[in-house]
């Protein structure tokens, strides 16, 4: 057994942006996020999408962004077409986050691509990408952890935590999320 010693914590290896990104862009993003994206003001999705694109996000057509969404780094975000991002969503995208077409992330859900290694004395930072394929539904107050792929049309039920990848056309619930049933495919 060992004790965690946060005095030894060092994440200098992690660069939240590549060398072409400047401190000024990061500072600009923090202000834009606070004023326009992570805000309860009723700002049209078209304006939010334009600001996200200016700051490096890849955004598809017909994306709905509700109020009070928090996005850590837009340059690590890719959103497909016809996506709904619910109120209070938190995208902590230290790693890349890709959200496929026709996906829905409900109110208060979280995508957490960063964590820490509790087994190490210095509590090392761990960064893993998240992929949500086409037609995924992340229920309200649910969490998707780093390294997880939610395969096509998988569902993570309300208040559940995905620590492992979800099979296509399947419904998961709980903490940690477990398979409840396979979805019927209807066209």
Protein backbone atom coordinates (compact mmCIF):
# COMPACT_ATOMS: atom_id res chain seq x y z
CA UNK A 1 0.00 0.00 0.00
CA UNK A 2 1.03 3.56 -0.59
CA UNK A 3 -0.30 6.99 0.14
CA UNK A 4 -1.13 9.50 -2.56
CA UNK A 5 1.22 12.47 -2.50
CA UNK A 6 -0.24 15.28 -4.60
CA UNK A 7 2.90 17.34 -4.08
CA UNK A 8 4.48 14.96 -6.61
CA UNK A 9 1.65 15.39 -9.14
CA UNK A 10 2.96 16.57 -12.50
CA UNK A 11 0.99 16.65 -15.74
CA UNK A 12 3.48 18.74 -17.72
CA UNK A 13 3.50 16.02 -20.40
CA UNK A 14 -0.12 16.90 -21.25
CA UNK A 15 -0.60 19.63 -23.81
CA UNK A 16 -4.26 20.63 -24.11
CA UNK A 17 -3.60 21.92 -27.60
CA UNK A 18 -0.99 21.46 -30.27
CA UNK A 19 1.80 23.94 -30.87
CA UNK A 20 -0.26 25.93 -33.38
CA UNK A 21 -2.69 26.83 -30.61
CA UNK A 22 -1.69 29.76 -28.53
CA UNK A 23 -2.30 30.90 -25.01
CA UNK A 24 -4.47 33.65 -26.51
CA UNK A 25 -6.79 31.13 -28.21
CA UNK A 26 -7.15 29.22 -24.94
CA UNK A 27 -7.94 32.41 -23.06
CA UNK A 28 -10.41 33.45 -25.78
CA UNK A 29 -12.13 30.07 -25.55
CA UNK A 30 -12.55 30.30 -21.77
CA UNK A 31 -14.29 33.66 -22.17
CA UNK A 32 -16.46 32.51 -25.11
CA UNK A 33 -17.44 29.34 -23.26
CA UNK A 34 -18.38 31.25 -20.10
CA UNK A 35 -20.38 33.93 -21.90
CA UNK A 36 -22.08 32.01 -24.71
CA UNK A 37 -21.90 28.22 -24.32
CA UNK A 38 -21.86 27.56 -20.56
CA UNK A 39 -24.55 30.16 -20.00
CA UNK A 40 -28.26 30.17 -19.23
CA UNK A 41 -28.83 32.97 -21.74
CA UNK A 42 -31.01 31.80 -24.62
CA UNK A 43 -28.42 32.09 -27.37
CA UNK A 44 -29.33 30.46 -30.71
CA UNK A 45 -27.53 27.21 -31.56
CA UNK A 46 -26.32 28.79 -34.81
CA UNK A 47 -24.28 31.36 -32.89
CA UNK A 48 -22.90 28.73 -30.49
CA UNK A 49 -21.93 26.48 -33.41
CA UNK A 50 -20.16 29.33 -35.18
CA UNK A 51 -18.16 30.18 -32.04
CA UNK A 52 -17.23 26.52 -31.52
CA UNK A 53 -16.05 26.25 -35.13
CA UNK A 54 -13.96 29.42 -34.83
CA UNK A 55 -12.25 27.82 -31.82
CA UNK A 56 -11.51 24.55 -33.67
CA UNK A 57 -14.51 22.23 -33.19
CA UNK A 58 -15.86 20.24 -36.11
CA UNK A 59 -19.64 20.62 -36.11
CA UNK A 60 -22.15 19.00 -38.47
CA UNK A 61 -25.52 20.25 -39.70
CA UNK A 62 -28.64 20.64 -37.59
CA UNK A 63 -26.91 20.46 -34.18
CA UNK A 64 -28.95 21.67 -31.21
CA UNK A 65 -27.04 23.11 -28.25
CA UNK A 66 -29.17 23.79 -25.18
CA UNK A 67 -28.18 26.31 -22.46
CA UNK A 68 -25.45 25.73 -19.89
CA UNK A 69 -23.23 23.31 -21.82
CA UNK A 70 -19.60 23.22 -20.70
CA UNK A 71 -16.93 22.20 -23.22
CA UNK A 72 -13.32 22.10 -22.05
CA UNK A 73 -11.45 22.19 -25.39
CA UNK A 74 -13.40 22.71 -28.64
CA UNK A 75 -10.37 21.72 -30.75
CA UNK A 76 -10.77 18.17 -29.33
CA UNK A 77 -14.45 17.94 -30.30
CA UNK A 78 -16.17 16.52 -33.38
CA UNK A 79 -19.97 16.50 -33.62
CA UNK A 80 -21.91 14.91 -36.49
CA UNK A 81 -25.23 15.89 -38.07
CA UNK A 82 -28.61 16.04 -36.28
CA UNK A 83 -27.13 15.90 -32.76
CA UNK A 84 -28.87 17.14 -29.61
CA UNK A 85 -26.76 18.37 -26.70
CA UNK A 86 -28.87 18.79 -23.56
CA UNK A 87 -28.85 21.41 -20.87
CA UNK A 88 -26.10 21.03 -18.29
CA UNK A 89 -23.98 18.71 -20.45
CA UNK A 90 -20.30 18.64 -19.44
CA UNK A 91 -17.76 17.58 -22.08
CA UNK A 92 -14.43 17.29 -20.27
CA UNK A 93 -12.49 16.51 -23.42
CA UNK A 94 -8.84 16.38 -22.45
CA UNK A 95 -8.73 13.70 -25.16
CA UNK A 96 -10.65 13.63 -28.43
CA UNK A 97 -14.44 13.30 -28.23
CA UNK A 98 -16.37 12.27 -31.32
CA UNK A 99 -20.18 12.35 -31.32
CA UNK A 100 -21.80 10.58 -34.26
CA UNK A 101 -24.81 11.60 -36.35
CA UNK A 102 -28.30 11.46 -34.78
CA UNK A 103 -27.01 11.14 -31.21
CA UNK A 104 -28.62 12.64 -28.13
CA UNK A 105 -26.82 13.62 -24.93
CA UNK A 106 -29.47 14.37 -22.32
CA UNK A 107 -29.53 16.89 -19.47
CA UNK A 108 -26.65 16.78 -17.03
CA UNK A 109 -24.78 14.01 -18.79
CA UNK A 110 -20.98 13.97 -18.70
CA UNK A 111 -18.25 12.84 -21.09
CA UNK A 112 -15.03 12.51 -19.08
CA UNK A 113 -11.94 11.74 -21.14
CA UNK A 114 -9.57 12.49 -18.27
CA UNK A 115 -9.01 10.72 -14.97
CA UNK A 116 -6.22 9.84 -12.56
CA UNK A 117 -4.28 6.71 -11.68
CA UNK A 118 -5.09 6.18 -8.02
CA UNK A 119 -2.55 3.33 -7.90
CA UNK A 120 0.36 5.75 -8.38
CA UNK A 121 1.75 7.86 -5.57
CA UNK A 122 1.76 10.95 -7.80
CA UNK A 123 -1.87 10.42 -9.02
CA UNK A 124 -0.86 10.47 -12.74
CA UNK A 125 -3.21 12.02 -15.27
CA UNK A 126 -4.85 9.51 -17.62
CA UNK A 127 -6.30 10.73 -20.94
CA UNK A 128 -8.37 8.50 -23.23
CA UNK A 129 -10.62 9.39 -26.17
CA UNK A 130 -14.40 8.87 -26.23
CA UNK A 131 -16.38 7.82 -29.30
CA UNK A 132 -20.16 7.93 -29.56
CA UNK A 133 -21.18 6.29 -32.83
CA UNK A 134 -24.35 7.03 -34.82
CA UNK A 135 -27.68 7.11 -32.98
CA UNK A 136 -26.32 6.86 -29.43
CA UNK A 137 -28.48 8.11 -26.56
CA UNK A 138 -26.80 9.10 -23.30
CA UNK A 139 -29.50 9.47 -20.64
CA UNK A 140 -29.84 12.33 -18.18
CA UNK A 141 -27.17 12.51 -15.46
CA UNK A 142 -25.21 9.64 -17.06
CA UNK A 143 -21.42 9.48 -17.37
CA UNK A 144 -19.22 8.13 -20.16
CA UNK A 145 -15.61 7.58 -19.06
CA UNK A 146 -12.43 7.85 -21.10
CA UNK A 147 -11.58 5.02 -23.48
CA UNK A 148 -15.25 4.10 -23.99
CA UNK A 149 -16.89 3.62 -27.36
CA UNK A 150 -20.67 3.66 -27.38
CA UNK A 151 -21.40 1.66 -30.51
CA UNK A 152 -24.20 2.41 -32.97
CA UNK A 153 -27.60 3.05 -31.37
CA UNK A 154 -26.55 2.01 -27.87
CA UNK A 155 -28.43 3.56 -24.95
CA UNK A 156 -26.98 4.49 -21.56
CA UNK A 157 -29.95 4.80 -19.20
CA UNK A 158 -30.55 7.66 -16.77
CA UNK A 159 -27.92 8.10 -14.04
CA UNK A 160 -25.67 5.29 -15.31
CA UNK A 161 -21.88 5.14 -15.68
CA UNK A 162 -20.18 3.61 -18.75
CA UNK A 163 -16.68 2.47 -17.80
CA UNK A 164 -16.47 -0.02 -20.69
CA UNK A 165 -17.63 0.13 -24.30
CA UNK A 166 -21.33 -0.42 -25.07
CA UNK A 167 -22.49 -2.89 -27.73
CA UNK A 168 -24.51 -1.68 -30.70
CA UNK A 169 -28.29 -1.70 -30.37
CA UNK A 170 -28.14 -2.44 -26.64
CA UNK A 171 -29.45 -0.77 -23.50
CA UNK A 172 -27.24 -0.35 -20.44
CA UNK A 173 -27.95 0.86 -16.92
CA UNK A 174 -26.34 1.09 -13.51
CA UNK A 175 -22.97 1.95 -12.01
CA UNK A 176 -20.99 0.46 -13.56
CA UNK A 177 -23.35 0.10 -16.50
CA UNK A 178 -24.39 -3.42 -17.39
CA UNK A 179 -26.35 -4.80 -20.34
CA UNK A 180 -30.09 -4.78 -19.72
CA UNK A 181 -31.29 -5.94 -23.13
CA UNK A 182 -30.70 -5.79 -26.84
CA UNK A 183 -32.76 -3.21 -28.73
CA UNK A 184 -35.16 -4.21 -31.43
CA UNK A 185 -34.21 -2.74 -34.77
CA UNK A 186 -37.04 -0.89 -36.48
CA UNK A 187 -36.94 1.02 -39.70
